[in-house]
Amino acid sequence: MKKNYSQAILLISILSLTIAFLWIYLSVHFALKKVEKPTLTQEEIKVLNPDLDEKVFEELAKRYH
């Protein structure tokens, strides 16, 4: 009795690819669906001072020149 290995390999290949694509799709779907809202502390919320201290830039320029 001669077995047809090429058909069995083709079937296993198709099933493996289908499972792999399904696994990737579900992983991406659940990763995108999962939304975590960040919790910010009061220090992170406070407004930053937009004024730059020019003395710092002058000191840096002196170091590298």
PDB file of N, CA and C in Angstrom:
ATOM      1  N   MET A   1       0.840  -1.169   0.000  1.00  0.00           N
ATOM      2  CA  MET A   1       0.000   0.000   0.000  1.00  0.00           C
ATOM      3  C   MET A   1       0.897   1.248   0.000  1.00  0.00           C
ATOM      4  N   LYS A   2       0.739   2.077  -1.015  1.00  0.00           N
ATOM      5  CA  LYS A   2       1.571   3.256  -1.188  1.00  0.00           C
ATOM      6  C   LYS A   2       0.854   4.469  -0.582  1.00  0.00           C
ATOM      7  N   LYS A   3       1.547   5.161   0.338  1.00  0.00           N
ATOM      8  CA  LYS A   3       0.950   6.342   0.980  1.00  0.00           C
ATOM      9  C   LYS A   3       1.339   7.585   0.206  1.00  0.00           C
ATOM     10  N   ASN A   4       0.412   8.530   0.142  1.00  0.00           N
ATOM     11  CA  ASN A   4       0.671   9.779  -0.550  1.00  0.00           C
ATOM     12  C   ASN A   4       1.080  10.819   0.490  1.00  0.00           C
ATOM     13  N   TYR A   5       2.413  10.981   0.666  1.00  0.00           N
ATOM     14  CA  TYR A   5       2.934  11.887   1.685  1.00  0.00           C
ATOM     15  C   TYR A   5       2.762  13.352   1.298  1.00  0.00           C
ATOM     16  N   SER A   6       2.755  13.648   0.020  1.00  0.00           N
ATOM     17  CA  SER A   6       2.653  15.038  -0.409  1.00  0.00           C
ATOM     18  C   SER A   6       1.298  15.645  -0.007  1.00  0.00           C
ATOM     19  N   GLN A   7       0.241  14.892  -0.067  1.00  0.00           N
ATOM     20  CA  GLN A   7      -1.073  15.394   0.348  1.00  0.00           C
ATOM     21  C   GLN A   7      -1.120  15.619   1.859  1.00  0.00           C
ATOM     22  N   ALA A   8      -0.513  14.730   2.615  1.00  0.00           N
ATOM     23  CA  ALA A   8      -0.482  14.867   4.066  1.00  0.00           C
ATOM     24  C   ALA A   8       0.350  16.087   4.471  1.00  0.00           C
ATOM     25  N   ILE A   9       1.475  16.279   3.814  1.00  0.00           N
ATOM     26  CA  ILE A   9       2.325  17.435   4.116  1.00  0.00           C
ATOM     27  C   ILE A   9       1.607  18.719   3.739  1.00  0.00           C
ATOM     28  N   LEU A  10       0.915  18.739   2.617  1.00  0.00           N
ATOM     29  CA  LEU A  10       0.157  19.911   2.193  1.00  0.00           C
ATOM     30  C   LEU A  10      -0.935  20.228   3.210  1.00  0.00           C
ATOM     31  N   LEU A  11      -1.642  19.229   3.673  1.00  0.00           N
ATOM     32  CA  LEU A  11      -2.715  19.433   4.650  1.00  0.00           C
ATOM     33  C   LEU A  11      -2.153  19.969   5.966  1.00  0.00           C
ATOM     34  N   ILE A  12      -1.068  19.393   6.430  1.00  0.00           N
ATOM     35  CA  ILE A  12      -0.444  19.861   7.672  1.00  0.00           C
ATOM     36  C   ILE A  12       0.078  21.284   7.508  1.00  0.00           C
ATOM     37  N   SER A  13       0.638  21.597   6.353  1.00  0.00           N
ATOM     38  CA  SER A  13       1.134  22.952   6.090  1.00  0.00           C
ATOM     39  C   SER A  13       0.002  23.970   6.107  1.00  0.00           C
ATOM     40  N   ILE A  14      -1.083  23.651   5.462  1.00  0.00           N
ATOM     41  CA  ILE A  14      -2.229  24.564   5.411  1.00  0.00           C
ATOM     42  C   ILE A  14      -2.806  24.775   6.808  1.00  0.00           C
ATOM     43  N   LEU A  15      -2.949  23.714   7.571  1.00  0.00           N
ATOM     44  CA  LEU A  15      -3.464  23.840   8.935  1.00  0.00           C
ATOM     45  C   LEU A  15      -2.509  24.643   9.818  1.00  0.00           C
ATOM     46  N   SER A  16      -1.219  24.413   9.671  1.00  0.00           N
ATOM     47  CA  SER A  16      -0.233  25.154  10.475  1.00  0.00           C
ATOM     48  C   SER A  16      -0.253  26.637  10.133  1.00  0.00           C
ATOM     49  N   LEU A  17      -0.313  26.985   8.866  1.00  0.00           N
ATOM     50  CA  LEU A  17      -0.373  28.385   8.460  1.00  0.00           C
ATOM     51  C   LEU A  17      -1.660  29.052   8.934  1.00  0.00           C
ATOM     52  N   THR A  18      -2.758  28.319   8.846  1.00  0.00           N
ATOM     53  CA  THR A  18      -4.029  28.862   9.313  1.00  0.00           C
ATOM     54  C   THR A  18      -3.975  29.152  10.809  1.00  0.00           C
ATOM     55  N   ILE A  19      -3.444  28.238  11.572  1.00  0.00           N
ATOM     56  CA  ILE A  19      -3.335  28.435  13.021  1.00  0.00           C
ATOM     57  C   ILE A  19      -2.382  29.587  13.330  1.00  0.00           C
ATOM     58  N   ALA A  20      -1.270  29.676  12.603  1.00  0.00           N
ATOM     59  CA  ALA A  20      -0.305  30.752  12.841  1.00  0.00           C
ATOM     60  C   ALA A  20      -0.936  32.122  12.544  1.00  0.00           C
ATOM     61  N   PHE A  21      -1.617  32.251  11.421  1.00  0.00           N
ATOM     62  CA  PHE A  21      -2.268  33.515  11.085  1.00  0.00           C
ATOM     63  C   PHE A  21      -3.363  33.868  12.078  1.00  0.00           C
ATOM     64  N   LEU A  22      -4.124  32.878  12.514  1.00  0.00           N
ATOM     65  CA  LEU A  22      -5.171  33.117  13.508  1.00  0.00           C
ATOM     66  C   LEU A  22      -4.556  33.575  14.830  1.00  0.00           C
ATOM     67  N   TRP A  23      -3.474  32.966  15.234  1.00  0.00           N
ATOM     68  CA  TRP A  23      -2.788  33.333  16.471  1.00  0.00           C
ATOM     69  C   TRP A  23      -2.269  34.766  16.393  1.00  0.00           C
ATOM     70  N   ILE A  24      -1.626  35.120  15.274  1.00  0.00           N
ATOM     71  CA  ILE A  24      -1.112  36.481  15.097  1.00  0.00           C
ATOM     72  C   ILE A  24      -2.258  37.484  15.091  1.00  0.00           C
ATOM     73  N   TYR A  25      -3.331  37.181  14.373  1.00  0.00           N
ATOM     74  CA  TYR A  25      -4.479  38.085  14.308  1.00  0.00           C
ATOM     75  C   TYR A  25      -5.065  38.319  15.699  1.00  0.00           C
ATOM     76  N   LEU A  26      -5.271  37.248  16.448  1.00  0.00           N
ATOM     77  CA  LEU A  26      -5.856  37.404  17.780  1.00  0.00           C
ATOM     78  C   LEU A  26      -4.920  38.144  18.728  1.00  0.00           C
ATOM     79  N   SER A  27      -3.624  37.916  18.623  1.00  0.00           N
ATOM     80  CA  SER A  27      -2.664  38.628  19.470  1.00  0.00           C
ATOM     81  C   SER A  27      -2.697  40.122  19.183  1.00  0.00           C
ATOM     82  N   VAL A  28      -2.696  40.490  17.911  1.00  0.00           N
ATOM     83  CA  VAL A  28      -2.750  41.901  17.542  1.00  0.00           C
ATOM     84  C   VAL A  28      -4.086  42.505  17.946  1.00  0.00           C
ATOM     85  N   HIS A  29      -5.162  41.784  17.725  1.00  0.00           N
ATOM     86  CA  HIS A  29      -6.495  42.283  18.069  1.00  0.00           C
ATOM     87  C   HIS A  29      -6.607  42.579  19.565  1.00  0.00           C
ATOM     88  N   PHE A  30      -6.180  41.655  20.392  1.00  0.00           N
ATOM     89  CA  PHE A  30      -6.281  41.865  21.835  1.00  0.00           C
ATOM     90  C   PHE A  30      -5.308  42.929  22.332  1.00  0.00           C
ATOM     91  N   ALA A  31      -4.145  43.046  21.699  1.00  0.00           N
ATOM     92  CA  ALA A  31      -3.190  44.080  22.086  1.00  0.00           C
ATOM     93  C   ALA A  31      -3.727  45.467  21.754  1.00  0.00           C
ATOM     94  N   LEU A  32      -4.384  45.604  20.608  1.00  0.00           N
ATOM     95  CA  LEU A  32      -4.939  46.900  20.229  1.00  0.00           C
ATOM     96  C   LEU A  32      -6.208  47.232  21.007  1.00  0.00           C
ATOM     97  N   LYS A  33      -6.943  46.221  21.392  1.00  0.00           N
ATOM     98  CA  LYS A  33      -8.184  46.426  22.132  1.00  0.00           C
ATOM     99  C   LYS A  33      -7.915  46.842  23.572  1.00  0.00           C
ATOM    100  N   LYS A  34      -6.791  46.395  24.115  1.00  0.00           N
ATOM    101  CA  LYS A  34      -6.432  46.671  25.507  1.00  0.00           C
ATOM    102  C   LYS A  34      -5.943  48.114  25.631  1.00  0.00           C
ATOM    103  N   VAL A  35      -6.692  48.928  26.335  1.00  0.00           N
ATOM    104  CA  VAL A  35      -6.343  50.336  26.497  1.00  0.00           C
ATOM    105  C   VAL A  35      -6.125  50.602  27.981  1.00  0.00           C
ATOM    106  N   GLU A  36      -4.924  51.065  28.281  1.00  0.00           N
ATOM    107  CA  GLU A  36      -4.615  51.414  29.662  1.00  0.00           C
ATOM    108  C   GLU A  36      -4.577  52.925  29.780  1.00  0.00           C
ATOM    109  N   LYS A  37      -5.351  53.455  30.696  1.00  0.00           N
ATOM    110  CA  LYS A  37      -5.351  54.894  30.907  1.00  0.00           C
ATOM    111  C   LYS A  37      -4.222  55.233  31.869  1.00  0.00           C
ATOM    112  N   PRO A  38      -3.368  56.166  31.475  1.00  0.00           N
ATOM    113  CA  PRO A  38      -2.251  56.525  32.350  1.00  0.00           C
ATOM    114  C   PRO A  38      -2.735  57.303  33.567  1.00  0.00           C
ATOM    115  N   THR A  39      -2.117  57.053  34.689  1.00  0.00           N
ATOM    116  CA  THR A  39      -2.422  57.810  35.895  1.00  0.00           C
ATOM    117  C   THR A  39      -1.281  58.790  36.127  1.00  0.00           C
ATOM    118  N   LEU A  40      -1.620  60.063  36.172  1.00  0.00           N
ATOM    119  CA  LEU A  40      -0.621  61.103  36.333  1.00  0.00           C
ATOM    120  C   LEU A  40      -0.626  61.630  37.757  1.00  0.00           C
ATOM    121  N   THR A  41       0.561  61.915  38.255  1.00  0.00           N
ATOM    122  CA  THR A  41       0.682  62.502  39.586  1.00  0.00           C
ATOM    123  C   THR A  41       0.534  64.014  39.484  1.00  0.00           C
ATOM    124  N   GLN A  42       0.391  64.664  40.614  1.00  0.00           N
ATOM    125  CA  GLN A  42       0.251  66.119  40.622  1.00  0.00           C
ATOM    126  C   GLN A  42       1.511  66.794  40.084  1.00  0.00           C
ATOM    127  N   GLU A  43       2.672  66.212  40.334  1.00  0.00           N
ATOM    128  CA  GLU A  43       3.921  66.799  39.850  1.00  0.00           C
ATOM    129  C   GLU A  43       4.004  66.738  38.323  1.00  0.00           C
ATOM    130  N   GLU A  44       3.475  65.675  37.730  1.00  0.00           N
ATOM    131  CA  GLU A  44       3.478  65.551  36.279  1.00  0.00           C
ATOM    132  C   GLU A  44       2.479  66.493  35.617  1.00  0.00           C
ATOM    133  N   ILE A  45       1.454  66.871  36.334  1.00  0.00           N
ATOM    134  CA  ILE A  45       0.403  67.721  35.786  1.00  0.00           C
ATOM    135  C   ILE A  45       0.774  69.200  35.839  1.00  0.00           C
ATOM    136  N   LYS A  46       1.619  69.590  36.772  1.00  0.00           N
ATOM    137  CA  LYS A  46       1.902  71.012  36.970  1.00  0.00           C
ATOM    138  C   LYS A  46       2.507  71.640  35.716  1.00  0.00           C
ATOM    139  N   VAL A  47       2.243  72.933  35.542  1.00  0.00           N
ATOM    140  CA  VAL A  47       2.668  73.665  34.356  1.00  0.00           C
ATOM    141  C   VAL A  47       4.167  73.954  34.442  1.00  0.00           C
ATOM    142  N   LEU A  48       4.856  73.759  33.322  1.00  0.00           N
ATOM    143  CA  LEU A  48       6.292  74.016  33.269  1.00  0.00           C
ATOM    144  C   LEU A  48       6.551  75.489  32.980  1.00  0.00           C
ATOM    145  N   ASN A  49       7.679  75.981  33.490  1.00  0.00           N
ATOM    146  CA  ASN A  49       8.076  77.359  33.245  1.00  0.00           C
ATOM    147  C   ASN A  49       8.686  77.449  31.844  1.00  0.00           C
ATOM    148  N   PRO A  50       8.111  78.260  30.954  1.00  0.00           N
ATOM    149  CA  PRO A  50       8.626  78.317  29.580  1.00  0.00           C
ATOM    150  C   PRO A  50       9.880  79.171  29.430  1.00  0.00           C
ATOM    151  N   ASP A  51      10.290  79.900  30.470  1.00  0.00           N
ATOM    152  CA  ASP A  51      11.474  80.748  30.391  1.00  0.00           C
ATOM    153  C   ASP A  51      12.741  79.899  30.519  1.00  0.00           C
ATOM    154  N   LEU A  52      13.692  80.131  29.609  1.00  0.00           N
ATOM    155  CA  LEU A  52      14.950  79.381  29.633  1.00  0.00           C
ATOM    156  C   LEU A  52      16.012  80.180  30.378  1.00  0.00           C
ATOM    157  N   ASP A  53      16.825  79.485  31.149  1.00  0.00           N
ATOM    158  CA  ASP A  53      17.924  80.115  31.866  1.00  0.00           C
ATOM    159  C   ASP A  53      19.124  80.211  30.920  1.00  0.00           C
ATOM    160  N   GLU A  54      19.421  81.402  30.470  1.00  0.00           N
ATOM    161  CA  GLU A  54      20.484  81.595  29.474  1.00  0.00           C
ATOM    162  C   GLU A  54      21.870  81.367  30.064  1.00  0.00           C
ATOM    163  N   LYS A  55      22.010  81.456  31.359  1.00  0.00           N
ATOM    164  CA  LYS A  55      23.307  81.224  31.993  1.00  0.00           C
ATOM    165  C   LYS A  55      23.780  79.788  31.753  1.00  0.00           C
ATOM    166  N   VAL A  56      22.853  78.868  31.768  1.00  0.00           N
ATOM    167  CA  VAL A  56      23.198  77.460  31.550  1.00  0.00           C
ATOM    168  C   VAL A  56      23.759  77.280  30.144  1.00  0.00           C
ATOM    169  N   PHE A  57      23.144  77.919  29.165  1.00  0.00           N
ATOM    170  CA  PHE A  57      23.622  77.801  27.789  1.00  0.00           C
ATOM    171  C   PHE A  57      24.995  78.455  27.618  1.00  0.00           C
ATOM    172  N   GLU A  58      25.222  79.537  28.298  1.00  0.00           N
ATOM    173  CA  GLU A  58      26.516  80.198  28.224  1.00  0.00           C
ATOM    174  C   GLU A  58      27.606  79.316  28.831  1.00  0.00           C
ATOM    175  N   GLU A  59      27.300  78.663  29.941  1.00  0.00           N
ATOM    176  CA  GLU A  59      28.271  77.767  30.572  1.00  0.00           C
ATOM    177  C   GLU A  59      28.573  76.564  29.682  1.00  0.00           C
ATOM    178  N   LEU A  60      27.552  76.050  29.020  1.00  0.00           N
ATOM    179  CA  LEU A  60      27.769  74.929  28.116  1.00  0.00           C
ATOM    180  C   LEU A  60      28.616  75.356  26.925  1.00  0.00           C
ATOM    181  N   ALA A  61      28.362  76.545  26.417  1.00  0.00           N
ATOM    182  CA  ALA A  61      29.141  77.027  25.277  1.00  0.00           C
ATOM    183  C   ALA A  61      30.607  77.201  25.673  1.00  0.00           C
ATOM    184  N   LYS A  62      30.869  77.657  26.904  1.00  0.00           N
ATOM    185  CA  LYS A  62      32.251  77.830  27.368  1.00  0.00           C
ATOM    186  C   LYS A  62      32.960  76.471  27.483  1.00  0.00           C
ATOM    187  N   ARG A  63      32.237  75.455  27.903  1.00  0.00           N
ATOM    188  CA  ARG A  63      32.831  74.115  28.051  1.00  0.00           C
ATOM    189  C   ARG A  63      33.289  73.535  26.730  1.00  0.00           C
ATOM    190  N   TYR A  64      32.504  73.737  25.687  1.00  0.00           N
ATOM    191  CA  TYR A  64      32.791  73.071  24.422  1.00  0.00           C
ATOM    192  C   TYR A  64      33.525  73.953  23.425  1.00  0.00           C
ATOM    193  N   HIS A  65      33.951  75.158  23.820  1.00  0.00           N
ATOM    194  CA  HIS A  65      34.721  76.012  22.916  1.00  0.00           C
ATOM    195  C   HIS A  65      36.089  76.248  23.433  1.00  0.00           C
TER     196      HIS A  65
END
